[in-house]
C-alpha cells in the first residue's frame, strides 16, 4: 500500500516536470555558425540587419560585393551604408529556393520587411531577391544580390 502511494506521488511529480524549465533559453551566440545552406545564410544576413550587427554582417559580405536594384548597381560600401539607414523590426522570407553548385549557393526568395528606412515606413510589398553566396577561406560570403 505504501509502495503504491509512493509510486503515485512520484508519477504525479514526474508528470509536471516537462513543464518546468531546468535550463534557461538557449541563446544563439553566433547564428552564422548555426546556419546550414543558403537559406540559413539569408536568415543570418537579415538577423544582423535587424539587430544592427554591422561588424558581423560585413564579415559575410565580399569585398567586391555588388547589389543590383531598380535604380542601378551599387557597391559594397554603398550597400552596407544603405542597410545602416534601416530600422528593421521584422522580416519574412517566402518562396525560398536554394541551389548549390560547387562552392556557390544561389538563393531566390520573396522578402517582406517591416520597419523604417530613414524614418519613413518600408513598403509592406514583398520584394523579389536573389543572393549569390560563395565559400571562401574566411567562410561563406555574399558576392552579389539583386532586388526587385
Protein backbone atom coordinates (compact mmCIF):
# COMPACT_ATOMS: atom_id res chain seq x y z
CA UNK A 1 0.00 0.00 0.00
CA UNK A 2 2.81 2.40 0.94
CA UNK A 3 4.62 1.48 -2.28
CA UNK A 4 1.52 2.32 -4.36
CA UNK A 5 1.11 5.66 -2.61
CA UNK A 6 4.79 6.47 -3.07
CA UNK A 7 4.61 5.44 -6.72
CA UNK A 8 1.50 7.61 -7.29
CA UNK A 9 3.21 10.61 -5.74
CA UNK A 10 6.34 10.06 -7.81
CA UNK A 11 4.32 9.80 -11.03
CA UNK A 12 2.41 12.96 -10.14
CA UNK A 13 5.63 14.87 -9.65
CA UNK A 14 7.12 13.47 -12.86
CA UNK A 15 4.01 14.47 -14.81
CA UNK A 16 4.72 18.13 -14.06
CA UNK A 17 8.45 18.08 -14.81
CA UNK A 18 8.16 18.53 -18.60
CA UNK A 19 6.52 21.89 -17.91
CA UNK A 20 9.43 23.02 -15.74
CA UNK A 21 12.45 24.64 -17.21
CA UNK A 22 15.63 23.05 -15.96
CA UNK A 23 17.83 25.13 -18.26
CA UNK A 24 17.42 28.69 -19.44
CA UNK A 25 16.54 29.54 -23.00
CA UNK A 26 19.40 28.72 -25.37
CA UNK A 27 20.83 31.96 -26.65
CA UNK A 28 22.25 31.90 -30.12
CA UNK A 29 25.75 33.27 -29.76
CA UNK A 30 26.58 33.16 -33.46
CA UNK A 31 23.68 32.39 -35.80
CA UNK A 32 26.15 32.24 -38.70
CA UNK A 33 27.78 29.18 -37.12
CA UNK A 34 24.34 27.54 -36.85
CA UNK A 35 23.42 28.39 -40.47
CA UNK A 36 23.39 25.48 -42.85
CA UNK A 37 22.93 26.20 -46.50
CA UNK A 38 21.88 29.24 -48.46
CA UNK A 39 18.60 29.76 -46.65
CA UNK A 40 20.40 29.87 -43.31
CA UNK A 41 22.85 32.43 -44.70
CA UNK A 42 19.96 34.66 -45.84
CA UNK A 43 18.28 34.45 -42.44
CA UNK A 44 21.59 35.27 -40.73
CA UNK A 45 22.09 38.24 -43.07
CA UNK A 46 18.68 39.70 -42.23
CA UNK A 47 19.08 38.91 -38.50
CA UNK A 48 22.24 41.01 -38.49
CA UNK A 49 20.43 43.85 -40.27
CA UNK A 50 17.58 43.65 -37.75
CA UNK A 51 20.00 43.52 -34.79
CA UNK A 52 22.23 46.23 -36.31
CA UNK A 53 25.18 43.87 -36.02
CA UNK A 54 27.23 45.61 -38.71
CA UNK A 55 30.62 44.10 -37.86
CA UNK A 56 29.26 40.56 -38.06
CA UNK A 57 27.36 41.30 -41.27
CA UNK A 58 30.27 42.96 -43.04
CA UNK A 59 32.37 39.86 -42.37
CA UNK A 60 29.93 37.90 -44.54
CA UNK A 61 29.88 40.35 -47.44
CA UNK A 62 32.65 40.03 -50.03
CA UNK A 63 34.95 42.95 -50.76
CA UNK A 64 33.71 43.01 -54.38
CA UNK A 65 30.01 42.64 -53.41
CA UNK A 66 27.53 44.21 -55.85
CA UNK A 67 23.82 44.85 -55.50
CA UNK A 68 21.51 45.43 -58.43
CA UNK A 69 18.38 47.47 -57.66
CA UNK A 70 15.75 49.15 -59.81
CA UNK A 71 17.84 52.34 -59.52
CA UNK A 72 21.08 50.69 -60.72
CA UNK A 73 24.07 48.80 -59.32
CA UNK A 74 25.72 49.73 -56.02
CA UNK A 75 28.99 48.58 -54.47
CA UNK A 76 29.68 47.01 -51.09
CA UNK A 77 30.27 50.26 -49.17
CA UNK A 78 27.10 51.88 -50.50
CA UNK A 79 25.04 48.74 -49.87
CA UNK A 80 26.21 48.41 -46.26
CA UNK A 81 25.68 52.12 -45.65
CA UNK A 82 22.16 51.87 -47.05
CA UNK A 83 21.36 49.00 -44.67
CA UNK A 84 22.51 51.13 -41.72
CA UNK A 85 19.71 53.60 -42.51
CA UNK A 86 17.20 50.83 -41.93
CA UNK A 87 15.39 50.27 -38.64
CA UNK A 88 14.14 46.74 -39.25
CA UNK A 89 11.55 45.37 -36.83
CA UNK A 90 10.88 42.08 -38.61
CA UNK A 91 11.37 40.28 -41.89
CA UNK A 92 9.99 37.19 -43.57
CA UNK A 93 11.24 35.02 -46.40
CA UNK A 94 8.79 33.19 -48.68
CA UNK A 95 9.02 31.05 -51.80
CA UNK A 96 12.65 30.31 -50.94
CA UNK A 97 14.76 28.23 -53.28
CA UNK A 98 18.46 27.49 -52.81
CA UNK A 99 20.67 25.77 -55.36
CA UNK A 100 24.20 24.60 -54.60
CA UNK A 101 26.72 24.48 -57.43
CA UNK A 102 30.22 23.60 -56.24
CA UNK A 103 31.22 26.24 -53.70
CA UNK A 104 28.37 28.61 -54.60
CA UNK A 105 24.75 28.88 -53.42
CA UNK A 106 22.19 30.81 -55.43
CA UNK A 107 19.22 31.73 -53.23
CA UNK A 108 15.99 33.24 -54.58
CA UNK A 109 13.05 34.31 -52.43
CA UNK A 110 10.42 36.91 -51.67
CA UNK A 111 11.34 39.26 -48.84
CA UNK A 112 8.84 41.22 -46.77
CA UNK A 113 10.21 43.83 -44.37
CA UNK A 114 8.59 45.72 -41.51
CA UNK A 115 10.30 48.81 -40.24
CA UNK A 116 11.60 52.17 -41.39
CA UNK A 117 14.20 53.47 -43.80
CA UNK A 118 15.39 56.99 -42.98
CA UNK A 119 12.39 57.33 -40.61
CA UNK A 120 9.91 56.50 -43.41
CA UNK A 121 7.89 53.27 -43.35
CA UNK A 122 9.23 50.50 -45.57
CA UNK A 123 6.73 49.30 -48.16
CA UNK A 124 4.94 46.15 -46.97
CA UNK A 125 5.01 44.78 -50.52
CA UNK A 126 7.23 41.71 -50.97
CA UNK A 127 10.43 42.15 -52.99
CA UNK A 128 11.97 39.50 -55.20
CA UNK A 129 15.53 38.79 -54.14
CA UNK A 130 18.46 36.75 -55.37
CA UNK A 131 21.74 36.35 -53.50
CA UNK A 132 24.86 34.52 -54.58
CA UNK A 133 26.86 33.05 -51.67
CA UNK A 134 30.36 31.72 -52.19
CA UNK A 135 32.50 29.66 -49.86
CA UNK A 136 35.86 31.37 -49.40
CA UNK A 137 38.76 30.87 -46.96
CA UNK A 138 37.02 33.05 -44.37
CA UNK A 139 33.70 31.20 -44.76
CA UNK A 140 30.52 31.85 -46.73
CA UNK A 141 30.18 35.38 -48.08
CA UNK A 142 27.61 37.13 -50.23
CA UNK A 143 29.17 38.15 -53.53
CA UNK A 144 26.09 39.50 -55.34
CA UNK A 145 22.46 40.40 -54.70
CA UNK A 146 19.60 41.59 -56.83
CA UNK A 147 16.47 43.29 -55.51
CA UNK A 148 13.29 43.83 -57.48
